[in-house]
Amino acid sequence: MKFILGQKLGMSQMFDKNGKLTPVTLLSVGPCYILQKKGKEKEGYEALQIGYQKIEKKNKITKTMKGKEYKHIKECRTLVADALNVGDEINASIFQEGEDVNVSGISKGKGFQGGVKRHGFKGKLSATHGNKHEHRTIGSTGQRFPQHVIKGRRMPGRMGYERTTVKNLKIMKVDKENNLLVIKGAVPGTRRTLLEIKG
């Protein structure tokens, strides 16, 4: 199992030998460092703690961060703990072109949205016959019994800014020198969003 932290740089496009266009996303990954190995005897489970983006400014490092002066710290239970030790570096070289990866991150926040945008509702009424200001309303939200809106009813509300995983994305190119991954398709979040890449 492969695991690394990175950031989304933005989207671009690639052309293959036949001239077919493929949308791709550029990711800046690593270098990440193993900060701690957790075991069943002490912590009750096996995992590796990984740090990404070391904090350089001394005034931003607190006493509790001693030995773990990193902006982002995540745990991964799927990595083989025997093969890695505290202090080891993980970079883009662990991946190869053609591999499939799962990318997890926080999706774009879209604010408060109506039922049409949030859930794909058709809208209450047609646009003709004197209809006014009712094109995108959600219509009835309940019934006579039990006299309240049933839990789970799809309604307008806050949309986006949720943890999302996009699975089986193909790696189109690996730049080991600059720690860059070029991945087919789109990944969650805006530019500079923290992402977890699992292979």
N, C-alpha and C. Protein backbone atom coordinates (compact mmCIF):
# COMPACT_ATOMS: atom_id res chain seq x y z
N MET A 1 0.84 -1.20 0.00
CA MET A 1 0.00 0.00 0.00
C MET A 1 0.88 1.25 0.00
N LYS A 2 0.50 2.23 -0.81
CA LYS A 2 1.25 3.48 -0.92
C LYS A 2 0.39 4.63 -0.41
N PHE A 3 1.06 5.58 0.29
CA PHE A 3 0.33 6.70 0.88
C PHE A 3 1.24 7.92 0.91
N ILE A 4 0.70 9.07 0.52
CA ILE A 4 1.48 10.31 0.55
C ILE A 4 0.51 11.48 0.65
N LEU A 5 1.01 12.59 1.19
CA LEU A 5 0.24 13.83 1.27
C LEU A 5 0.72 14.81 0.20
N GLY A 6 -0.20 15.64 -0.28
CA GLY A 6 0.18 16.61 -1.30
C GLY A 6 -0.82 17.73 -1.40
N GLN A 7 -0.60 18.60 -2.39
CA GLN A 7 -1.48 19.73 -2.63
C GLN A 7 -1.87 19.79 -4.10
N LYS A 8 -3.08 20.28 -4.33
CA LYS A 8 -3.56 20.47 -5.69
C LYS A 8 -3.00 21.78 -6.25
N LEU A 9 -2.36 21.70 -7.42
CA LEU A 9 -1.80 22.89 -8.06
C LEU A 9 -2.77 23.50 -9.07
N GLY A 10 -3.57 22.66 -9.72
CA GLY A 10 -4.51 23.14 -10.71
C GLY A 10 -4.73 22.11 -11.80
N MET A 11 -5.56 22.46 -12.78
CA MET A 11 -5.88 21.53 -13.87
C MET A 11 -5.23 21.97 -15.17
N SER A 12 -5.00 20.98 -16.04
CA SER A 12 -4.41 21.24 -17.35
C SER A 12 -4.95 20.17 -18.31
N GLN A 13 -4.26 19.97 -19.42
CA GLN A 13 -4.67 18.94 -20.37
C GLN A 13 -3.46 18.36 -21.09
N MET A 14 -3.61 17.09 -21.50
CA MET A 14 -2.54 16.40 -22.21
C MET A 14 -3.09 15.80 -23.49
N PHE A 15 -2.21 15.65 -24.47
CA PHE A 15 -2.57 15.01 -25.73
C PHE A 15 -1.74 13.73 -25.87
N ASP A 16 -2.38 12.63 -26.30
CA ASP A 16 -1.64 11.40 -26.54
C ASP A 16 -1.13 11.35 -27.98
N LYS A 17 -0.57 10.21 -28.39
CA LYS A 17 0.01 10.08 -29.74
C LYS A 17 -1.03 10.22 -30.84
N ASN A 18 -2.28 9.86 -30.52
CA ASN A 18 -3.35 9.95 -31.52
C ASN A 18 -4.04 11.31 -31.53
N GLY A 19 -3.59 12.21 -30.70
CA GLY A 19 -4.19 13.55 -30.64
C GLY A 19 -5.39 13.64 -29.74
N LYS A 20 -5.66 12.61 -28.94
CA LYS A 20 -6.80 12.62 -28.03
C LYS A 20 -6.48 13.47 -26.80
N LEU A 21 -7.40 14.38 -26.46
CA LEU A 21 -7.20 15.28 -25.32
C LEU A 21 -7.67 14.63 -24.03
N THR A 22 -6.87 14.74 -22.98
CA THR A 22 -7.21 14.20 -21.66
C THR A 22 -7.07 15.28 -20.61
N PRO A 23 -8.15 15.58 -19.85
CA PRO A 23 -8.03 16.55 -18.75
C PRO A 23 -7.24 15.94 -17.59
N VAL A 24 -6.30 16.69 -17.03
CA VAL A 24 -5.46 16.19 -15.95
C VAL A 24 -5.37 17.22 -14.83
N THR A 25 -4.98 16.73 -13.65
CA THR A 25 -4.76 17.58 -12.48
C THR A 25 -3.31 17.45 -12.03
N LEU A 26 -2.66 18.58 -11.74
CA LEU A 26 -1.29 18.57 -11.27
C LEU A 26 -1.28 18.58 -9.75
N LEU A 27 -0.53 17.65 -9.15
CA LEU A 27 -0.41 17.56 -7.70
C LEU A 27 1.04 17.69 -7.28
N SER A 28 1.29 18.51 -6.28
CA SER A 28 2.60 18.59 -5.66
C SER A 28 2.57 17.69 -4.43
N VAL A 29 3.35 16.61 -4.45
CA VAL A 29 3.30 15.62 -3.36
C VAL A 29 4.65 15.55 -2.63
N GLY A 30 4.56 15.40 -1.31
CA GLY A 30 5.77 15.22 -0.50
C GLY A 30 6.75 16.39 -0.62
N PRO A 31 7.98 16.19 -0.13
CA PRO A 31 8.37 14.98 0.60
C PRO A 31 7.73 14.92 1.99
N CYS A 32 7.30 13.71 2.37
CA CYS A 32 6.72 13.46 3.69
C CYS A 32 7.70 12.65 4.51
N TYR A 33 7.59 12.75 5.83
CA TYR A 33 8.51 12.05 6.71
C TYR A 33 7.74 11.27 7.78
N ILE A 34 8.26 10.08 8.09
CA ILE A 34 7.65 9.25 9.13
C ILE A 34 8.00 9.86 10.49
N LEU A 35 6.97 10.23 11.26
CA LEU A 35 7.18 10.86 12.56
C LEU A 35 7.05 9.88 13.72
N GLN A 36 6.18 8.87 13.55
CA GLN A 36 5.93 7.95 14.65
C GLN A 36 5.36 6.63 14.14
N LYS A 37 5.77 5.54 14.77
CA LYS A 37 5.20 4.23 14.48
C LYS A 37 4.34 3.81 15.66
N LYS A 38 3.06 3.54 15.40
CA LYS A 38 2.14 3.14 16.46
C LYS A 38 1.89 1.64 16.40
N GLY A 39 1.87 1.00 17.56
CA GLY A 39 1.69 -0.45 17.61
C GLY A 39 0.54 -0.86 18.51
N LYS A 40 0.16 -2.14 18.44
CA LYS A 40 -0.97 -2.65 19.20
C LYS A 40 -0.69 -2.68 20.70
N GLU A 41 0.57 -2.85 21.08
CA GLU A 41 0.90 -2.96 22.50
C GLU A 41 0.63 -1.66 23.26
N LYS A 42 1.03 -0.53 22.66
CA LYS A 42 0.90 0.76 23.35
C LYS A 42 -0.37 1.52 22.96
N GLU A 43 -0.58 1.70 21.64
CA GLU A 43 -1.71 2.51 21.17
C GLU A 43 -2.96 1.70 20.88
N GLY A 44 -2.82 0.38 20.73
CA GLY A 44 -3.99 -0.45 20.46
C GLY A 44 -4.27 -0.69 18.99
N TYR A 45 -3.47 -0.08 18.12
CA TYR A 45 -3.62 -0.29 16.67
C TYR A 45 -2.29 0.03 15.99
N GLU A 46 -2.15 -0.47 14.77
CA GLU A 46 -0.91 -0.24 14.02
C GLU A 46 -1.13 0.88 13.00
N ALA A 47 -0.22 1.84 13.00
CA ALA A 47 -0.32 2.95 12.05
C ALA A 47 1.01 3.68 11.97
N LEU A 48 1.16 4.45 10.91
CA LEU A 48 2.33 5.31 10.74
C LEU A 48 1.86 6.76 10.71
N GLN A 49 2.52 7.62 11.48
CA GLN A 49 2.20 9.04 11.49
C GLN A 49 3.15 9.75 10.53
N ILE A 50 2.56 10.53 9.61
CA ILE A 50 3.34 11.17 8.54
C ILE A 50 3.21 12.68 8.63
N GLY A 51 4.33 13.40 8.45
CA GLY A 51 4.33 14.85 8.46
C GLY A 51 4.62 15.43 7.09
N TYR A 52 3.97 16.55 6.77
CA TYR A 52 4.12 17.19 5.46
C TYR A 52 4.23 18.70 5.66
N GLN A 53 5.15 19.33 4.98
CA GLN A 53 5.42 20.77 5.01
C GLN A 53 5.95 21.21 6.38
N LYS A 54 7.25 21.12 6.53
CA LYS A 54 7.90 21.48 7.79
C LYS A 54 7.75 22.98 8.06
N ILE A 55 7.49 23.32 9.32
CA ILE A 55 7.36 24.71 9.73
C ILE A 55 8.75 25.29 9.97
N GLU A 56 9.08 26.33 9.23
CA GLU A 56 10.42 26.92 9.30
C GLU A 56 10.51 28.03 10.35
N LYS A 57 9.44 28.78 10.55
CA LYS A 57 9.47 29.90 11.50
C LYS A 57 9.42 29.38 12.94
N LYS A 58 10.44 29.72 13.72
CA LYS A 58 10.55 29.22 15.08
C LYS A 58 9.44 29.75 15.99
N ASN A 59 8.95 30.96 15.71
CA ASN A 59 7.92 31.53 16.58
C ASN A 59 6.56 30.84 16.42
N LYS A 60 6.43 29.98 15.40
CA LYS A 60 5.17 29.26 15.19
C LYS A 60 5.23 27.83 15.73
N ILE A 61 6.37 27.46 16.32
CA ILE A 61 6.53 26.12 16.87
C ILE A 61 6.32 26.17 18.38
N THR A 62 5.34 25.41 18.88
CA THR A 62 5.05 25.37 20.31
C THR A 62 5.79 24.22 20.98
N LYS A 63 5.73 24.18 22.30
CA LYS A 63 6.42 23.14 23.06
C LYS A 63 5.85 21.75 22.75
N THR A 64 4.56 21.67 22.55
CA THR A 64 3.92 20.38 22.30
C THR A 64 4.26 19.82 20.91
N MET A 65 4.81 20.64 20.03
CA MET A 65 5.14 20.21 18.67
C MET A 65 6.57 19.70 18.55
N LYS A 66 7.27 19.56 19.66
CA LYS A 66 8.68 19.16 19.63
C LYS A 66 8.84 17.81 18.92
N GLY A 67 9.69 17.80 17.89
CA GLY A 67 9.91 16.59 17.11
C GLY A 67 8.91 16.38 16.00
N LYS A 68 7.83 17.19 15.99
CA LYS A 68 6.79 17.07 14.96
C LYS A 68 6.43 18.46 14.43
N GLU A 69 7.46 19.17 13.97
CA GLU A 69 7.26 20.55 13.52
C GLU A 69 6.77 20.58 12.07
N TYR A 70 5.56 20.07 11.86
CA TYR A 70 5.00 20.01 10.51
C TYR A 70 3.62 20.64 10.48
N LYS A 71 3.30 21.25 9.34
CA LYS A 71 2.01 21.91 9.18
C LYS A 71 0.87 20.89 9.12
N HIS A 72 1.10 19.78 8.43
CA HIS A 72 0.07 18.75 8.28
C HIS A 72 0.61 17.42 8.81
N ILE A 73 -0.14 16.79 9.69
CA ILE A 73 0.23 15.48 10.24
C ILE A 73 -0.97 14.55 10.09
N LYS A 74 -0.75 13.42 9.43
CA LYS A 74 -1.82 12.44 9.20
C LYS A 74 -1.34 11.04 9.58
N GLU A 75 -2.29 10.17 9.84
CA GLU A 75 -1.98 8.77 10.13
C GLU A 75 -2.47 7.88 9.00
N CYS A 76 -1.73 6.82 8.75
CA CYS A 76 -2.12 5.84 7.73
C CYS A 76 -1.97 4.45 8.32
N ARG A 77 -3.05 3.68 8.31
CA ARG A 77 -3.02 2.33 8.87
C ARG A 77 -2.70 1.27 7.81
N THR A 78 -2.66 1.69 6.55
CA THR A 78 -2.49 0.71 5.47
C THR A 78 -1.05 0.50 5.06
N LEU A 79 -0.15 1.41 5.47
CA LEU A 79 1.26 1.27 5.10
C LEU A 79 1.90 0.10 5.84
N VAL A 80 2.87 -0.52 5.21
CA VAL A 80 3.60 -1.62 5.84
C VAL A 80 4.60 -1.02 6.83
N ALA A 81 4.33 -1.19 8.12
CA ALA A 81 5.13 -0.55 9.15
C ALA A 81 6.55 -1.14 9.24
N ASP A 82 6.70 -2.40 8.88
CA ASP A 82 8.01 -3.05 9.01
C ASP A 82 9.03 -2.47 8.02
N ALA A 83 8.56 -2.03 6.85
CA ALA A 83 9.47 -1.57 5.81
C ALA A 83 9.94 -0.13 6.02
N LEU A 84 9.24 0.64 6.87
CA LEU A 84 9.57 2.04 7.08
C LEU A 84 9.91 2.31 8.54
N ASN A 85 10.82 3.25 8.77
CA ASN A 85 11.24 3.62 10.11
C ASN A 85 11.07 5.12 10.33
N VAL A 86 11.10 5.54 11.57
CA VAL A 86 10.97 6.96 11.91
C VAL A 86 12.10 7.75 11.26
N GLY A 87 11.72 8.83 10.57
CA GLY A 87 12.69 9.66 9.87
C GLY A 87 12.80 9.38 8.39
N ASP A 88 12.24 8.26 7.92
CA ASP A 88 12.30 7.93 6.49
C ASP A 88 11.47 8.91 5.67
N GLU A 89 11.95 9.16 4.45
CA GLU A 89 11.27 10.09 3.54
C GLU A 89 10.38 9.33 2.56
N ILE A 90 9.21 9.91 2.29
CA ILE A 90 8.31 9.38 1.26
C ILE A 90 8.12 10.47 0.22
N ASN A 91 8.40 10.17 -1.05
CA ASN A 91 8.25 11.17 -2.12
C ASN A 91 7.55 10.56 -3.33
N ALA A 92 7.52 11.31 -4.42
CA ALA A 92 6.78 10.90 -5.62
C ALA A 92 7.33 9.65 -6.27
N SER A 93 8.56 9.26 -5.94
CA SER A 93 9.18 8.10 -6.59
C SER A 93 8.51 6.77 -6.24
N ILE A 94 7.64 6.76 -5.21
CA ILE A 94 6.95 5.51 -4.86
C ILE A 94 5.86 5.16 -5.87
N PHE A 95 5.47 6.14 -6.71
CA PHE A 95 4.42 5.91 -7.71
C PHE A 95 5.02 5.72 -9.10
N GLN A 96 4.25 5.06 -9.96
CA GLN A 96 4.67 4.82 -11.34
C GLN A 96 3.54 5.19 -12.28
N GLU A 97 3.92 5.51 -13.52
CA GLU A 97 2.91 5.86 -14.53
C GLU A 97 2.00 4.66 -14.80
N GLY A 98 0.71 4.95 -14.96
CA GLY A 98 -0.26 3.89 -15.23
C GLY A 98 -0.93 3.33 -13.99
N GLU A 99 -0.43 3.67 -12.82
CA GLU A 99 -1.04 3.19 -11.57
C GLU A 99 -2.37 3.87 -11.32
N ASP A 100 -3.26 3.18 -10.59
CA ASP A 100 -4.52 3.76 -10.16
C ASP A 100 -4.40 4.19 -8.70
N VAL A 101 -4.90 5.38 -8.38
CA VAL A 101 -4.83 5.90 -7.02
C VAL A 101 -6.20 6.43 -6.59
N ASN A 102 -6.40 6.50 -5.27
CA ASN A 102 -7.58 7.14 -4.69
C ASN A 102 -7.14 8.45 -4.05
N VAL A 103 -7.85 9.53 -4.36
CA VAL A 103 -7.49 10.85 -3.85
C VAL A 103 -8.61 11.37 -2.95
N SER A 104 -8.25 11.73 -1.70
CA SER A 104 -9.23 12.23 -0.73
C SER A 104 -8.88 13.66 -0.33
N GLY A 105 -9.92 14.48 -0.13
CA GLY A 105 -9.71 15.86 0.29
C GLY A 105 -11.03 16.54 0.59
N ILE A 106 -10.96 17.81 0.99
CA ILE A 106 -12.17 18.59 1.27
C ILE A 106 -12.63 19.26 -0.01
N SER A 107 -13.89 19.02 -0.38
CA SER A 107 -14.42 19.56 -1.63
C SER A 107 -14.66 21.06 -1.53
N LYS A 108 -14.88 21.71 -2.67
CA LYS A 108 -15.15 23.14 -2.71
C LYS A 108 -16.44 23.47 -1.96
N GLY A 109 -16.40 24.54 -1.16
CA GLY A 109 -17.61 25.00 -0.48
C GLY A 109 -18.44 25.86 -1.42
N LYS A 110 -19.74 25.58 -1.50
CA LYS A 110 -20.62 26.32 -2.41
C LYS A 110 -21.67 27.16 -1.68
N GLY A 111 -21.56 27.22 -0.34
CA GLY A 111 -22.50 28.05 0.42
C GLY A 111 -23.90 27.44 0.48
N PHE A 112 -24.88 28.28 0.82
CA PHE A 112 -26.27 27.84 0.94
C PHE A 112 -26.89 27.77 -0.45
N GLN A 113 -27.37 26.60 -0.84
CA GLN A 113 -27.93 26.40 -2.17
C GLN A 113 -29.34 25.82 -2.08
N GLY A 114 -30.10 26.04 -3.14
CA GLY A 114 -31.47 25.54 -3.21
C GLY A 114 -31.53 24.07 -3.62
N GLY A 115 -32.75 23.54 -3.66
CA GLY A 115 -32.94 22.13 -3.97
C GLY A 115 -32.56 21.76 -5.39
N VAL A 116 -32.72 22.70 -6.33
CA VAL A 116 -32.40 22.42 -7.74
C VAL A 116 -30.90 22.18 -7.91
N LYS A 117 -30.07 23.05 -7.34
CA LYS A 117 -28.62 22.91 -7.46
C LYS A 117 -28.08 21.81 -6.55
N ARG A 118 -28.61 21.74 -5.32
CA ARG A 118 -28.05 20.83 -4.32
C ARG A 118 -28.43 19.38 -4.59
N HIS A 119 -29.66 19.13 -5.02
CA HIS A 119 -30.14 17.75 -5.19
C HIS A 119 -30.61 17.42 -6.60
N GLY A 120 -30.59 18.41 -7.50
CA GLY A 120 -31.01 18.15 -8.87
C GLY A 120 -32.51 18.10 -9.06
N PHE A 121 -33.27 18.81 -8.21
CA PHE A 121 -34.72 18.83 -8.35
C PHE A 121 -35.12 19.51 -9.66
N LYS A 122 -36.27 19.12 -10.19
CA LYS A 122 -36.77 19.70 -11.43
C LYS A 122 -37.30 21.12 -11.20
N GLY A 123 -37.88 21.37 -10.06
CA GLY A 123 -38.57 22.64 -9.80
C GLY A 123 -40.05 22.37 -9.66
N LYS A 124 -40.76 23.22 -8.94
CA LYS A 124 -42.16 22.95 -8.59
C LYS A 124 -43.11 23.07 -9.79
N LEU A 125 -43.01 24.15 -10.52
CA LEU A 125 -44.00 24.42 -11.58
C LEU A 125 -43.31 24.76 -12.90
N SER A 126 -44.08 24.72 -13.96
CA SER A 126 -43.56 25.09 -15.28
C SER A 126 -43.41 26.61 -15.36
N ALA A 127 -42.82 27.07 -16.47
CA ALA A 127 -42.52 28.50 -16.61
C ALA A 127 -43.68 29.29 -17.21
N THR A 128 -44.80 28.64 -17.53
CA THR A 128 -45.90 29.33 -18.22
C THR A 128 -47.14 29.42 -17.33
N HIS A 129 -48.21 29.98 -17.88
CA HIS A 129 -49.54 30.08 -17.24
C HIS A 129 -49.50 30.89 -15.96
N GLY A 130 -48.87 32.04 -16.04
CA GLY A 130 -48.93 32.97 -14.92
C GLY A 130 -48.10 32.60 -13.72
N ASN A 131 -47.20 31.69 -13.85
CA ASN A 131 -46.35 31.29 -12.72
C ASN A 131 -45.33 32.39 -12.43
N LYS A 132 -45.15 32.71 -11.16
CA LYS A 132 -44.25 33.79 -10.79
C LYS A 132 -43.46 33.40 -9.54
N HIS A 133 -42.11 33.48 -9.65
CA HIS A 133 -41.20 33.24 -8.53
C HIS A 133 -41.34 31.84 -7.94
N GLU A 134 -41.77 30.87 -8.71
CA GLU A 134 -41.95 29.52 -8.18
C GLU A 134 -41.19 28.47 -8.98
N HIS A 135 -40.32 28.91 -9.89
CA HIS A 135 -39.66 27.98 -10.80
C HIS A 135 -38.73 27.00 -10.08
N ARG A 136 -38.04 27.48 -9.04
CA ARG A 136 -37.02 26.66 -8.40
C ARG A 136 -37.37 26.29 -6.95
N THR A 137 -38.61 26.44 -6.56
CA THR A 137 -39.02 26.04 -5.21
C THR A 137 -39.14 24.52 -5.12
N ILE A 138 -39.02 24.00 -3.92
CA ILE A 138 -38.98 22.53 -3.78
C ILE A 138 -40.36 21.89 -3.62
N GLY A 139 -41.39 22.72 -3.38
CA GLY A 139 -42.73 22.15 -3.24
C GLY A 139 -42.99 21.68 -1.82
N SER A 140 -43.87 20.71 -1.69
CA SER A 140 -44.28 20.22 -0.37
C SER A 140 -43.12 19.55 0.35
N THR A 141 -43.05 19.76 1.67
CA THR A 141 -41.97 19.17 2.45
C THR A 141 -42.46 18.13 3.46
N GLY A 142 -43.76 17.87 3.49
CA GLY A 142 -44.27 16.89 4.46
C GLY A 142 -45.70 16.50 4.16
N GLN A 143 -46.38 15.91 5.14
CA GLN A 143 -47.76 15.49 4.98
C GLN A 143 -48.53 15.77 6.28
N ARG A 144 -49.81 15.39 6.33
CA ARG A 144 -50.64 15.72 7.50
C ARG A 144 -50.14 14.98 8.75
N PHE A 145 -49.67 13.79 8.57
CA PHE A 145 -49.09 13.06 9.71
C PHE A 145 -47.65 12.71 9.39
N PRO A 146 -46.68 12.93 10.21
CA PRO A 146 -46.75 13.26 11.66
C PRO A 146 -46.61 14.75 11.97
N GLN A 147 -47.09 15.63 11.13
CA GLN A 147 -47.13 17.08 11.38
C GLN A 147 -45.75 17.73 11.54
N HIS A 148 -44.72 17.11 11.00
CA HIS A 148 -43.40 17.77 11.00
C HIS A 148 -42.59 17.19 9.83
N VAL A 149 -41.54 17.88 9.48
CA VAL A 149 -40.70 17.44 8.37
C VAL A 149 -39.92 16.20 8.80
N ILE A 150 -40.01 15.13 8.03
CA ILE A 150 -39.35 13.87 8.38
C ILE A 150 -37.84 14.01 8.21
N LYS A 151 -37.11 13.42 9.15
CA LYS A 151 -35.66 13.49 9.14
C LYS A 151 -35.10 12.91 7.84
N GLY A 152 -34.11 13.60 7.25
CA GLY A 152 -33.50 13.13 6.02
C GLY A 152 -34.11 13.70 4.75
N ARG A 153 -35.18 14.50 4.88
CA ARG A 153 -35.81 15.10 3.72
C ARG A 153 -34.81 16.01 3.01
N ARG A 154 -34.71 15.83 1.68
CA ARG A 154 -33.77 16.64 0.89
C ARG A 154 -34.33 18.05 0.71
N MET A 155 -33.59 19.01 1.23
CA MET A 155 -34.05 20.40 1.20
C MET A 155 -32.86 21.33 0.92
N PRO A 156 -33.14 22.64 0.72
CA PRO A 156 -32.03 23.58 0.56
C PRO A 156 -31.14 23.59 1.80
N GLY A 157 -29.86 23.91 1.61
CA GLY A 157 -28.93 23.96 2.74
C GLY A 157 -27.50 24.17 2.27
N ARG A 158 -26.57 24.07 3.23
CA ARG A 158 -25.15 24.24 2.92
C ARG A 158 -24.67 23.12 2.01
N MET A 159 -23.92 23.48 0.99
CA MET A 159 -23.48 22.51 -0.01
C MET A 159 -21.96 22.56 -0.14
N GLY A 160 -21.35 21.39 -0.23
CA GLY A 160 -19.91 21.31 -0.41
C GLY A 160 -19.17 21.36 0.91
N TYR A 161 -17.85 21.55 0.83
CA TYR A 161 -16.93 21.58 1.98
C TYR A 161 -17.09 20.32 2.83
N GLU A 162 -17.03 19.18 2.15
CA GLU A 162 -17.12 17.88 2.81
C GLU A 162 -15.94 17.02 2.36
N ARG A 163 -15.56 16.07 3.20
CA ARG A 163 -14.50 15.15 2.82
C ARG A 163 -15.00 14.23 1.70
N THR A 164 -14.28 14.22 0.60
CA THR A 164 -14.68 13.46 -0.59
C THR A 164 -13.51 12.62 -1.08
N THR A 165 -13.81 11.45 -1.60
CA THR A 165 -12.80 10.57 -2.18
C THR A 165 -13.15 10.25 -3.62
N VAL A 166 -12.21 10.46 -4.52
CA VAL A 166 -12.38 10.07 -5.93
C VAL A 166 -11.48 8.86 -6.16
N LYS A 167 -12.09 7.75 -6.59
CA LYS A 167 -11.35 6.48 -6.69
C LYS A 167 -10.91 6.18 -8.12
N ASN A 168 -9.89 5.35 -8.21
CA ASN A 168 -9.39 4.80 -9.48
C ASN A 168 -9.02 5.88 -10.51
N LEU A 169 -8.22 6.86 -10.06
CA LEU A 169 -7.70 7.87 -10.98
C LEU A 169 -6.33 7.41 -11.48
N LYS A 170 -6.13 7.48 -12.77
CA LYS A 170 -4.89 6.98 -13.39
C LYS A 170 -3.79 8.04 -13.33
N ILE A 171 -2.58 7.60 -12.96
CA ILE A 171 -1.41 8.49 -12.99
C ILE A 171 -0.88 8.55 -14.42
N MET A 172 -0.88 9.75 -14.98
CA MET A 172 -0.45 9.93 -16.36
C MET A 172 1.07 10.17 -16.46
N LYS A 173 1.63 10.85 -15.45
CA LYS A 173 3.06 11.18 -15.47
C LYS A 173 3.57 11.39 -14.05
N VAL A 174 4.82 11.01 -13.82
CA VAL A 174 5.47 11.21 -12.52
C VAL A 174 6.77 12.00 -12.73
N ASP A 175 6.89 13.14 -12.06
CA ASP A 175 8.12 13.94 -12.09
C ASP A 175 8.81 13.75 -10.74
N LYS A 176 9.78 12.84 -10.68
CA LYS A 176 10.43 12.49 -9.42
C LYS A 176 11.32 13.61 -8.90
N GLU A 177 11.93 14.38 -9.80
CA GLU A 177 12.83 15.46 -9.38
C GLU A 177 12.08 16.58 -8.66
N ASN A 178 10.92 16.95 -9.18
CA ASN A 178 10.13 18.05 -8.61
C ASN A 178 8.98 17.57 -7.73
N ASN A 179 8.87 16.26 -7.52
CA ASN A 179 7.79 15.67 -6.70
C ASN A 179 6.41 16.09 -7.20
N LEU A 180 6.18 15.87 -8.49
CA LEU A 180 4.89 16.19 -9.10
C LEU A 180 4.22 14.94 -9.64
N LEU A 181 2.89 14.90 -9.50
CA LEU A 181 2.09 13.84 -10.10
C LEU A 181 1.08 14.47 -11.04
N VAL A 182 0.93 13.88 -12.23
CA VAL A 182 -0.10 14.30 -13.18
C VAL A 182 -1.15 13.20 -13.21
N ILE A 183 -2.36 13.54 -12.75
CA ILE A 183 -3.42 12.54 -12.58
C ILE A 183 -4.57 12.83 -13.54
N LYS A 184 -5.09 11.79 -14.15
CA LYS A 184 -6.20 11.93 -15.09
C LYS A 184 -7.48 12.32 -14.35
N GLY A 185 -8.19 13.34 -14.86
CA GLY A 185 -9.45 13.76 -14.27
C GLY A 185 -9.29 14.80 -13.18
N ALA A 186 -10.39 15.02 -12.45
CA ALA A 186 -10.44 16.05 -11.42
C ALA A 186 -10.37 15.43 -10.03
N VAL A 187 -9.84 16.21 -9.09
CA VAL A 187 -9.75 15.79 -7.69
C VAL A 187 -10.47 16.82 -6.83
N PRO A 188 -10.83 16.46 -5.59
CA PRO A 188 -11.60 17.39 -4.74
C PRO A 188 -10.81 18.65 -4.39
N GLY A 189 -11.56 19.73 -4.12
CA GLY A 189 -10.97 20.93 -3.54
C GLY A 189 -10.50 21.98 -4.53
N THR A 190 -10.05 23.09 -3.97
CA THR A 190 -9.51 24.21 -4.74
C THR A 190 -7.99 24.08 -4.81
N ARG A 191 -7.33 25.06 -5.37
CA ARG A 191 -5.87 25.07 -5.40
C ARG A 191 -5.31 25.15 -3.98
N ARG A 192 -4.21 24.45 -3.76
CA ARG A 192 -3.53 24.37 -2.46
C ARG A 192 -4.31 23.57 -1.42
N THR A 193 -5.34 22.83 -1.84
CA THR A 193 -6.07 21.96 -0.92
C THR A 193 -5.19 20.77 -0.54
N LEU A 194 -5.18 20.41 0.74
CA LEU A 194 -4.43 19.25 1.20
C LEU A 194 -5.13 17.98 0.73
N LEU A 195 -4.36 17.08 0.12
CA LEU A 195 -4.91 15.84 -0.42
C LEU A 195 -4.17 14.63 0.13
N GLU A 196 -4.89 13.53 0.26
CA GLU A 196 -4.30 12.25 0.63
C GLU A 196 -4.35 11.34 -0.60
N ILE A 197 -3.21 10.86 -1.04
CA ILE A 197 -3.13 10.01 -2.23
C ILE A 197 -2.75 8.60 -1.79
N LYS A 198 -3.65 7.66 -2.09
CA LYS A 198 -3.43 6.26 -1.72
C LYS A 198 -3.35 5.42 -2.98
N GLY A 199 -2.32 4.56 -3.05
CA GLY A 199 -2.13 3.70 -4.20
C GLY A 199 -2.41 2.24 -3.88
